[in-house]
PDB file of N, CA and C in Angstrom:
ATOM      1  N   MET A   1       0.846  -1.174   0.000  1.00  0.00           N
ATOM      2  CA  MET A   1       0.000   0.000   0.000  1.00  0.00           C
ATOM      3  C   MET A   1       0.892   1.239   0.000  1.00  0.00           C
ATOM      4  N   SER A   2       0.810   2.045  -1.023  1.00  0.00           N
ATOM      5  CA  SER A   2       1.660   3.229  -1.105  1.00  0.00           C
ATOM      6  C   SER A   2       0.861   4.473  -0.742  1.00  0.00           C
ATOM      7  N   MET A   3       1.557   5.411  -0.095  1.00  0.00           N
ATOM      8  CA  MET A   3       0.950   6.678   0.289  1.00  0.00           C
ATOM      9  C   MET A   3       1.493   7.768  -0.622  1.00  0.00           C
ATOM     10  N   PRO A   4       0.701   8.784  -0.926  1.00  0.00           N
ATOM     11  CA  PRO A   4       1.230   9.896  -1.720  1.00  0.00           C
ATOM     12  C   PRO A   4       2.377  10.574  -0.976  1.00  0.00           C
ATOM     13  N   LEU A   5       3.321  11.099  -1.723  1.00  0.00           N
ATOM     14  CA  LEU A   5       4.519  11.682  -1.136  1.00  0.00           C
ATOM     15  C   LEU A   5       4.209  12.858  -0.223  1.00  0.00           C
ATOM     16  N   HIS A   6       3.199  13.667  -0.547  1.00  0.00           N
ATOM     17  CA  HIS A   6       2.927  14.850   0.262  1.00  0.00           C
ATOM     18  C   HIS A   6       2.427  14.510   1.659  1.00  0.00           C
ATOM     19  N   GLN A   7       2.028  13.272   1.920  1.00  0.00           N
ATOM     20  CA  GLN A   7       1.600  12.900   3.253  1.00  0.00           C
ATOM     21  C   GLN A   7       2.774  12.705   4.194  1.00  0.00           C
ATOM     22  N   TYR A   8       3.989  12.584   3.678  1.00  0.00           N
ATOM     23  CA  TYR A   8       5.167  12.440   4.510  1.00  0.00           C
ATOM     24  C   TYR A   8       5.700  13.783   5.002  1.00  0.00           C
ATOM     25  N   VAL A   9       5.298  14.870   4.371  1.00  0.00           N
ATOM     26  CA  VAL A   9       5.785  16.200   4.726  1.00  0.00           C
ATOM     27  C   VAL A   9       4.823  16.806   5.749  1.00  0.00           C
ATOM     28  N   PRO A  10       5.332  17.165   6.943  1.00  0.00           N
ATOM     29  CA  PRO A  10       4.431  17.707   7.968  1.00  0.00           C
ATOM     30  C   PRO A  10       3.945  19.109   7.619  1.00  0.00           C
ATOM     31  N   LEU A  11       2.693  19.368   7.926  1.00  0.00           N
ATOM     32  CA  LEU A  11       2.084  20.682   7.717  1.00  0.00           C
ATOM     33  C   LEU A  11       2.067  21.452   9.024  1.00  0.00           C
ATOM     34  N   VAL A  12       2.242  22.756   8.944  1.00  0.00           N
ATOM     35  CA  VAL A  12       2.082  23.635  10.096  1.00  0.00           C
ATOM     36  C   VAL A  12       0.767  24.363   9.893  1.00  0.00           C
ATOM     37  N   GLN A  13      -0.204  24.095  10.760  1.00  0.00           N
ATOM     38  CA  GLN A  13      -1.521  24.698  10.600  1.00  0.00           C
ATOM     39  C   GLN A  13      -1.742  25.744  11.692  1.00  0.00           C
ATOM     40  N   THR A  14      -2.185  26.915  11.286  1.00  0.00           N
ATOM     41  CA  THR A  14      -2.507  27.989  12.217  1.00  0.00           C
ATOM     42  C   THR A  14      -3.931  28.447  11.954  1.00  0.00           C
ATOM     43  N   THR A  15      -4.599  28.854  13.022  1.00  0.00           N
ATOM     44  CA  THR A  15      -5.970  29.343  12.919  1.00  0.00           C
ATOM     45  C   THR A  15      -6.017  30.755  13.485  1.00  0.00           C
ATOM     46  N   LYS A  16      -6.664  31.664  12.760  1.00  0.00           N
ATOM     47  CA  LYS A  16      -6.811  33.030  13.257  1.00  0.00           C
ATOM     48  C   LYS A  16      -8.219  33.526  12.961  1.00  0.00           C
ATOM     49  N   GLN A  17      -8.649  34.511  13.726  1.00  0.00           N
ATOM     50  CA  GLN A  17      -9.973  35.101  13.556  1.00  0.00           C
ATOM     51  C   GLN A  17      -9.872  36.276  12.584  1.00  0.00           C
ATOM     52  N   VAL A  18     -10.748  36.278  11.588  1.00  0.00           N
ATOM     53  CA  VAL A  18     -10.770  37.335  10.580  1.00  0.00           C
ATOM     54  C   VAL A  18     -12.174  37.921  10.535  1.00  0.00           C
ATOM     55  N   PHE A  19     -12.256  39.263  10.571  1.00  0.00           N
ATOM     56  CA  PHE A  19     -13.549  39.937  10.480  1.00  0.00           C
ATOM     57  C   PHE A  19     -13.966  40.046   9.019  1.00  0.00           C
ATOM     58  N   VAL A  20     -15.172  39.581   8.710  1.00  0.00           N
ATOM     59  CA  VAL A  20     -15.720  39.646   7.355  1.00  0.00           C
ATOM     60  C   VAL A  20     -16.755  40.763   7.324  1.00  0.00           C
ATOM     61  N   PRO A  21     -16.482  41.866   6.591  1.00  0.00           N
ATOM     62  CA  PRO A  21     -17.408  43.002   6.611  1.00  0.00           C
ATOM     63  C   PRO A  21     -18.773  42.699   5.997  1.00  0.00           C
ATOM     64  N   GLY A  22     -18.852  41.802   5.028  1.00  0.00           N
ATOM     65  CA  GLY A  22     -20.127  41.504   4.362  1.00  0.00           C
ATOM     66  C   GLY A  22     -21.167  40.903   5.301  1.00  0.00           C
ATOM     67  N   ILE A  23     -20.720  40.061   6.218  1.00  0.00           N
ATOM     68  CA  ILE A  23     -21.667  39.430   7.150  1.00  0.00           C
ATOM     69  C   ILE A  23     -21.565  40.024   8.550  1.00  0.00           C
ATOM     70  N   GLY A  24     -20.547  40.836   8.804  1.00  0.00           N
ATOM     71  CA  GLY A  24     -20.407  41.509  10.088  1.00  0.00           C
ATOM     72  C   GLY A  24     -20.001  40.584  11.220  1.00  0.00           C
ATOM     73  N   GLU A  25     -19.347  39.491  10.931  1.00  0.00           N
ATOM     74  CA  GLU A  25     -18.934  38.541  11.963  1.00  0.00           C
ATOM     75  C   GLU A  25     -17.469  38.185  11.782  1.00  0.00           C
ATOM     76  N   GLU A  26     -16.908  37.608  12.834  1.00  0.00           N
ATOM     77  CA  GLU A  26     -15.559  37.073  12.751  1.00  0.00           C
ATOM     78  C   GLU A  26     -15.643  35.581  12.476  1.00  0.00           C
ATOM     79  N   VAL A  27     -14.825  35.113  11.563  1.00  0.00           N
ATOM     80  CA  VAL A  27     -14.793  33.693  11.232  1.00  0.00           C
ATOM     81  C   VAL A  27     -13.380  33.164  11.459  1.00  0.00           C
ATOM     82  N   ASP A  28     -13.288  31.874  11.736  1.00  0.00           N
ATOM     83  CA  ASP A  28     -11.984  31.229  11.898  1.00  0.00           C
ATOM     84  C   ASP A  28     -11.426  30.867  10.524  1.00  0.00           C
ATOM     85  N   VAL A  29     -10.206  31.264  10.279  1.00  0.00           N
ATOM     86  CA  VAL A  29      -9.527  30.949   9.026  1.00  0.00           C
ATOM     87  C   VAL A  29      -8.339  30.061   9.361  1.00  0.00           C
ATOM     88  N   CYS A  30      -8.295  28.900   8.731  1.00  0.00           N
ATOM     89  CA  CYS A  30      -7.204  27.960   8.949  1.00  0.00           C
ATOM     90  C   CYS A  30      -6.215  28.076   7.799  1.00  0.00           C
ATOM     91  N   GLN A  31      -4.947  28.328   8.141  1.00  0.00           N
ATOM     92  CA  GLN A  31      -3.898  28.431   7.133  1.00  0.00           C
ATOM     93  C   GLN A  31      -2.895  27.301   7.365  1.00  0.00           C
ATOM     94  N   ALA A  32      -2.472  26.695   6.296  1.00  0.00           N
ATOM     95  CA  ALA A  32      -1.483  25.617   6.390  1.00  0.00           C
ATOM     96  C   ALA A  32      -0.251  25.995   5.584  1.00  0.00           C
ATOM     97  N   SER A  33       0.897  25.660   6.116  1.00  0.00           N
ATOM     98  CA  SER A  33       2.147  25.852   5.388  1.00  0.00           C
ATOM     99  C   SER A  33       3.017  24.622   5.616  1.00  0.00           C
ATOM    100  N   VAL A  34       3.944  24.390   4.725  1.00  0.00           N
ATOM    101  CA  VAL A  34       4.803  23.209   4.817  1.00  0.00           C
ATOM    102  C   VAL A  34       6.239  23.629   5.065  1.00  0.00           C
ATOM    103  N   TYR A  35       7.019  22.713   5.599  1.00  0.00           N
ATOM    104  CA  TYR A  35       8.439  22.955   5.789  1.00  0.00           C
ATOM    105  C   TYR A  35       9.139  22.936   4.432  1.00  0.00           C
ATOM    106  N   PRO A  36      10.142  23.782   4.239  1.00  0.00           N
ATOM    107  CA  PRO A  36      10.842  23.781   2.944  1.00  0.00           C
ATOM    108  C   PRO A  36      11.678  22.521   2.752  1.00  0.00           C
ATOM    109  N   ILE A  37      11.624  21.984   1.549  1.00  0.00           N
ATOM    110  CA  ILE A  37      12.420  20.823   1.162  1.00  0.00           C
ATOM    111  C   ILE A  37      13.276  21.249  -0.028  1.00  0.00           C
ATOM    112  N   PHE A  38      14.593  21.169   0.126  1.00  0.00           N
ATOM    113  CA  PHE A  38      15.498  21.586  -0.934  1.00  0.00           C
ATOM    114  C   PHE A  38      15.710  20.439  -1.913  1.00  0.00           C
ATOM    115  N   LEU A  39      15.538  20.734  -3.190  1.00  0.00           N
ATOM    116  CA  LEU A  39      15.765  19.769  -4.259  1.00  0.00           C
ATOM    117  C   LEU A  39      17.074  20.137  -4.945  1.00  0.00           C
ATOM    118  N   GLY A  40      18.143  19.489  -4.570  1.00  0.00           N
ATOM    119  CA  GLY A  40      19.441  19.818  -5.134  1.00  0.00           C
ATOM    120  C   GLY A  40      19.840  18.840  -6.219  1.00  0.00           C
ATOM    121  N   ARG A  41      19.910  19.299  -7.421  1.00  0.00           N
ATOM    122  CA  ARG A  41      20.331  18.495  -8.576  1.00  0.00           C
ATOM    123  C   ARG A  41      21.038  19.407  -9.565  1.00  0.00           C
ATOM    124  N   ASP A  42      21.108  18.968 -10.809  1.00  0.00           N
ATOM    125  CA  ASP A  42      21.734  19.796 -11.835  1.00  0.00           C
ATOM    126  C   ASP A  42      20.784  20.922 -12.257  1.00  0.00           C
ATOM    127  N   GLN A  43      21.261  21.796 -13.119  1.00  0.00           N
ATOM    128  CA  GLN A  43      20.479  22.974 -13.499  1.00  0.00           C
ATOM    129  C   GLN A  43      19.217  22.616 -14.269  1.00  0.00           C
ATOM    130  N   LEU A  44      19.264  21.577 -15.082  1.00  0.00           N
ATOM    131  CA  LEU A  44      18.090  21.183 -15.854  1.00  0.00           C
ATOM    132  C   LEU A  44      16.978  20.678 -14.940  1.00  0.00           C
ATOM    133  N   THR A  45      17.327  19.889 -13.941  1.00  0.00           N
ATOM    134  CA  THR A  45      16.330  19.388 -12.998  1.00  0.00           C
ATOM    135  C   THR A  45      15.736  20.524 -12.181  1.00  0.00           C
ATOM    136  N   ALA A  46      16.568  21.472 -11.774  1.00  0.00           N
ATOM    137  CA  ALA A  46      16.067  22.625 -11.030  1.00  0.00           C
ATOM    138  C   ALA A  46      15.121  23.459 -11.887  1.00  0.00           C
ATOM    139  N   ALA A  47      15.437  23.622 -13.167  1.00  0.00           N
ATOM    140  CA  ALA A  47      14.557  24.373 -14.065  1.00  0.00           C
ATOM    141  C   ALA A  47      13.230  23.652 -14.274  1.00  0.00           C
ATOM    142  N   ARG A  48      13.274  22.340 -14.379  1.00  0.00           N
ATOM    143  CA  ARG A  48      12.033  21.572 -14.521  1.00  0.00           C
ATOM    144  C   ARG A  48      11.181  21.659 -13.255  1.00  0.00           C
ATOM    145  N   ALA A  49      11.822  21.645 -12.095  1.00  0.00           N
ATOM    146  CA  ALA A  49      11.080  21.764 -10.831  1.00  0.00           C
ATOM    147  C   ALA A  49      10.437  23.141 -10.719  1.00  0.00           C
ATOM    148  N   ARG A  50      11.167  24.193 -11.114  1.00  0.00           N
ATOM    149  CA  ARG A  50      10.577  25.537 -11.091  1.00  0.00           C
ATOM    150  C   ARG A  50       9.398  25.641 -12.052  1.00  0.00           C
ATOM    151  N   ALA A  51       9.488  25.001 -13.216  1.00  0.00           N
ATOM    152  CA  ALA A  51       8.378  25.014 -14.172  1.00  0.00           C
ATOM    153  C   ALA A  51       7.167  24.275 -13.606  1.00  0.00           C
ATOM    154  N   ALA A  52       7.394  23.171 -12.910  1.00  0.00           N
ATOM    155  CA  ALA A  52       6.281  22.424 -12.307  1.00  0.00           C
ATOM    156  C   ALA A  52       5.615  23.242 -11.215  1.00  0.00           C
ATOM    157  N   ILE A  53       6.399  23.966 -10.443  1.00  0.00           N
ATOM    158  CA  ILE A  53       5.834  24.815  -9.388  1.00  0.00           C
ATOM    159  C   ILE A  53       5.027  25.953 -10.002  1.00  0.00           C
ATOM    160  N   LYS A  54       5.520  26.538 -11.104  1.00  0.00           N
ATOM    161  CA  LYS A  54       4.787  27.627 -11.766  1.00  0.00           C
ATOM    162  C   LYS A  54       3.458  27.164 -12.342  1.00  0.00           C
ATOM    163  N   THR A  55       3.400  25.931 -12.847  1.00  0.00           N
ATOM    164  CA  THR A  55       2.146  25.463 -13.434  1.00  0.00           C
ATOM    165  C   THR A  55       1.078  25.194 -12.378  1.00  0.00           C
ATOM    166  N   ARG A  56       1.485  24.971 -11.130  1.00  0.00           N
ATOM    167  CA  ARG A  56       0.517  24.668 -10.079  1.00  0.00           C
ATOM    168  C   ARG A  56       0.314  25.831  -9.122  1.00  0.00           C
ATOM    169  N   VAL A  57       0.708  27.031  -9.508  1.00  0.00           N
ATOM    170  CA  VAL A  57       0.678  28.177  -8.608  1.00  0.00           C
ATOM    171  C   VAL A  57      -0.739  28.588  -8.212  1.00  0.00           C
ATOM    172  N   ASN A  58      -1.743  28.314  -9.012  1.00  0.00           N
ATOM    173  CA  ASN A  58      -3.117  28.717  -8.725  1.00  0.00           C
ATOM    174  C   ASN A  58      -3.943  27.640  -8.030  1.00  0.00           C
ATOM    175  N   SER A  59      -3.310  26.600  -7.524  1.00  0.00           N
ATOM    176  CA  SER A  59      -4.038  25.547  -6.825  1.00  0.00           C
ATOM    177  C   SER A  59      -4.541  26.069  -5.474  1.00  0.00           C
ATOM    178  N   LEU A  60      -5.505  25.356  -4.906  1.00  0.00           N
ATOM    179  CA  LEU A  60      -6.151  25.843  -3.692  1.00  0.00           C
ATOM    180  C   LEU A  60      -5.375  25.531  -2.419  1.00  0.00           C
ATOM    181  N   THR A  61      -4.740  24.393  -2.327  1.00  0.00           N
ATOM    182  CA  THR A  61      -4.065  24.014  -1.090  1.00  0.00           C
ATOM    183  C   THR A  61      -2.553  24.087  -1.267  1.00  0.00           C
ATOM    184  N   CYS A  62      -1.851  24.169  -0.134  1.00  0.00           N
ATOM    185  CA  CYS A  62      -0.394  24.335  -0.207  1.00  0.00           C
ATOM    186  C   CYS A  62       0.299  23.074  -0.710  1.00  0.00           C
ATOM    187  N   ASP A  63      -0.269  21.900  -0.478  1.00  0.00           N
ATOM    188  CA  ASP A  63       0.394  20.695  -0.976  1.00  0.00           C
ATOM    189  C   ASP A  63       0.197  20.514  -2.472  1.00  0.00           C
ATOM    190  N   THR A  64      -0.931  20.947  -3.025  1.00  0.00           N
ATOM    191  CA  THR A  64      -1.101  20.867  -4.472  1.00  0.00           C
ATOM    192  C   THR A  64      -0.403  22.014  -5.199  1.00  0.00           C
ATOM    193  N   ARG A  65      -0.112  23.105  -4.460  1.00  0.00           N
ATOM    194  CA  ARG A  65       0.658  24.215  -5.042  1.00  0.00           C
ATOM    195  C   ARG A  65       2.148  23.939  -5.024  1.00  0.00           C
ATOM    196  N   LEU A  66       2.573  22.903  -4.345  1.00  0.00           N
ATOM    197  CA  LEU A  66       3.996  22.542  -4.200  1.00  0.00           C
ATOM    198  C   LEU A  66       4.764  23.655  -3.504  1.00  0.00           C
ATOM    199  N   ASP A  67       4.168  24.196  -2.427  1.00  0.00           N
ATOM    200  CA  ASP A  67       4.764  25.335  -1.733  1.00  0.00           C
ATOM    201  C   ASP A  67       6.097  25.017  -1.076  1.00  0.00           C
ATOM    202  N   GLY A  68       6.263  23.853  -0.502  1.00  0.00           N
ATOM    203  CA  GLY A  68       7.465  23.577   0.267  1.00  0.00           C
ATOM    204  C   GLY A  68       8.690  23.207  -0.543  1.00  0.00           C
ATOM    205  N   LEU A  69       8.547  23.014  -1.839  1.00  0.00           N
ATOM    206  CA  LEU A  69       9.683  22.589  -2.647  1.00  0.00           C
ATOM    207  C   LEU A  69      10.537  23.786  -3.058  1.00  0.00           C
ATOM    208  N   VAL A  70      11.841  23.700  -2.785  1.00  0.00           N
ATOM    209  CA  VAL A  70      12.778  24.765  -3.124  1.00  0.00           C
ATOM    210  C   VAL A  70      13.840  24.172  -4.047  1.00  0.00           C
ATOM    211  N   PRO A  71      13.707  24.355  -5.364  1.00  0.00           N
ATOM    212  CA  PRO A  71      14.723  23.801  -6.275  1.00  0.00           C
ATOM    213  C   PRO A  71      16.000  24.637  -6.247  1.00  0.00           C
ATOM    214  N   CYS A  72      17.134  23.946  -6.180  1.00  0.00           N
ATOM    215  CA  CYS A  72      18.421  24.637  -6.216  1.00  0.00           C
ATOM    216  C   CYS A  72      19.392  23.794  -7.035  1.00  0.00           C
ATOM    217  N   ALA A  73      20.178  24.473  -7.834  1.00  0.00           N
ATOM    218  CA  ALA A  73      21.145  23.790  -8.695  1.00  0.00           C
ATOM    219  C   ALA A  73      22.444  23.579  -7.924  1.00  0.00           C
ATOM    220  N   GLU A  74      22.981  22.390  -8.032  1.00  0.00           N
ATOM    221  CA  GLU A  74      24.255  22.070  -7.395  1.00  0.00           C
ATOM    222  C   GLU A  74      25.253  21.675  -8.480  1.00  0.00           C
ATOM    223  N   ASP A  75      26.462  22.103  -8.293  1.00  0.00           N
ATOM    224  CA  ASP A  75      27.516  21.735  -9.224  1.00  0.00           C
ATOM    225  C   ASP A  75      28.367  20.651  -8.569  1.00  0.00           C
ATOM    226  N   LEU A  76      27.990  19.405  -8.792  1.00  0.00           N
ATOM    227  CA  LEU A  76      28.646  18.290  -8.124  1.00  0.00           C
ATOM    228  C   LEU A  76      30.086  18.105  -8.587  1.00  0.00           C
ATOM    229  N   LEU A  77      30.381  18.382  -9.860  1.00  0.00           N
ATOM    230  CA  LEU A  77      31.751  18.220 -10.343  1.00  0.00           C
ATOM    231  C   LEU A  77      32.709  19.203  -9.674  1.00  0.00           C
ATOM    232  N   THR A  78      32.240  20.405  -9.385  1.00  0.00           N
ATOM    233  CA  THR A  78      33.082  21.368  -8.685  1.00  0.00           C
ATOM    234  C   THR A  78      33.375  20.892  -7.274  1.00  0.00           C
ATOM    235  N   LYS A  79      32.392  20.298  -6.616  1.00  0.00           N
ATOM    236  CA  LYS A  79      32.617  19.776  -5.272  1.00  0.00           C
ATOM    237  C   LYS A  79      33.621  18.630  -5.286  1.00  0.00           C
ATOM    238  N   VAL A  80      33.518  17.759  -6.268  1.00  0.00           N
ATOM    239  CA  VAL A  80      34.460  16.647  -6.375  1.00  0.00           C
ATOM    240  C   VAL A  80      35.861  17.167  -6.639  1.00  0.00           C
ATOM    241  N   ASN A  81      36.005  18.141  -7.550  1.00  0.00           N
ATOM    242  CA  ASN A  81      37.320  18.721  -7.835  1.00  0.00           C
ATOM    243  C   ASN A  81      37.902  19.411  -6.609  1.00  0.00           C
ATOM    244  N   LEU A  82      37.074  20.088  -5.837  1.00  0.00           N
ATOM    245  CA  LEU A  82      37.543  20.746  -4.626  1.00  0.00           C
ATOM    246  C   LEU A  82      38.060  19.719  -3.624  1.00  0.00           C
ATOM    247  N   LEU A  83      37.352  18.614  -3.479  1.00  0.00           N
ATOM    248  CA  LEU A  83      37.816  17.561  -2.573  1.00  0.00           C
ATOM    249  C   LEU A  83      39.122  16.947  -3.058  1.00  0.00           C
ATOM    250  N   ASP A  84      39.249  16.760  -4.365  1.00  0.00           N
ATOM    251  CA  ASP A  84      40.499  16.209  -4.922  1.00  0.00           C
ATOM    252  C   ASP A  84      41.675  17.150  -4.665  1.00  0.00           C
ATOM    253  N   VAL A  85      41.488  18.443  -4.901  1.00  0.00           N
ATOM    254  CA  VAL A  85      42.552  19.418  -4.710  1.00  0.00           C
ATOM    255  C   VAL A  85      42.936  19.493  -3.240  1.00  0.00           C
ATOM    256  N   SER A  86      41.950  19.505  -2.344  1.00  0.00           N
ATOM    257  CA  SER A  86      42.273  19.587  -0.921  1.00  0.00           C
ATOM    258  C   SER A  86      42.969  18.320  -0.455  1.00  0.00           C
ATOM    259  N   HIS A  87      42.617  17.171  -1.005  1.00  0.00           N
ATOM    260  CA  HIS A  87      43.270  15.909  -0.658  1.00  0.00           C
ATOM    261  C   HIS A  87      44.724  15.898  -1.134  1.00  0.00           C
ATOM    262  N   ILE A  88      44.966  16.368  -2.361  1.00  0.00           N
ATOM    263  CA  ILE A  88      46.317  16.431  -2.893  1.00  0.00           C
ATOM    264  C   ILE A  88      47.172  17.413  -2.092  1.00  0.00           C
ATOM    265  N   LYS A  89      46.570  18.529  -1.698  1.00  0.00           N
ATOM    266  CA  LYS A  89      47.287  19.533  -0.910  1.00  0.00           C
ATOM    267  C   LYS A  89      47.686  18.962   0.436  1.00  0.00           C
ATOM    268  N   ASN A  90      46.818  18.194   1.077  1.00  0.00           N
ATOM    269  CA  ASN A  90      47.130  17.597   2.373  1.00  0.00           C
ATOM    270  C   ASN A  90      48.222  16.537   2.243  1.00  0.00           C
ATOM    271  N   LEU A  91      48.262  15.826   1.120  1.00  0.00           N
ATOM    272  CA  LEU A  91      49.291  14.812   0.922  1.00  0.00           C
ATOM    273  C   LEU A  91      50.675  15.424   0.708  1.00  0.00           C
ATOM    274  N   SER A  92      50.728  16.622   0.109  1.00  0.00           N
ATOM    275  CA  SER A  92      52.014  17.236  -0.192  1.00  0.00           C
ATOM    276  C   SER A  92      52.625  17.930   1.014  1.00  0.00           C
ATOM    277  N   LEU A  93      51.877  18.102   2.101  1.00  0.00           N
ATOM    278  CA  LEU A  93      52.420  18.786   3.283  1.00  0.00           C
ATOM    279  C   LEU A  93      53.346  17.929   4.058  1.00  0.00           C
TER     280      LEU A  93
END
């Protein structure tokens, strides 16, 4: 039995009282937000994630709007080269 992925991400729900002038009463408004999840991959994957978030921007709930996803591009080859250079430098000391 598989669960949708958004059920694994915890929601932060807050409730506040808002005055509605049309009916002259205060109503409870429940707002939900999600914790940010960083998606670190190459630039193409980050661009695709940003496009997916843009297409769902008008959805009603925060999980269908993909609010918590933060795409970021990582340059993995630069990190590997940096580790190689620092390793070689430590060996030459």
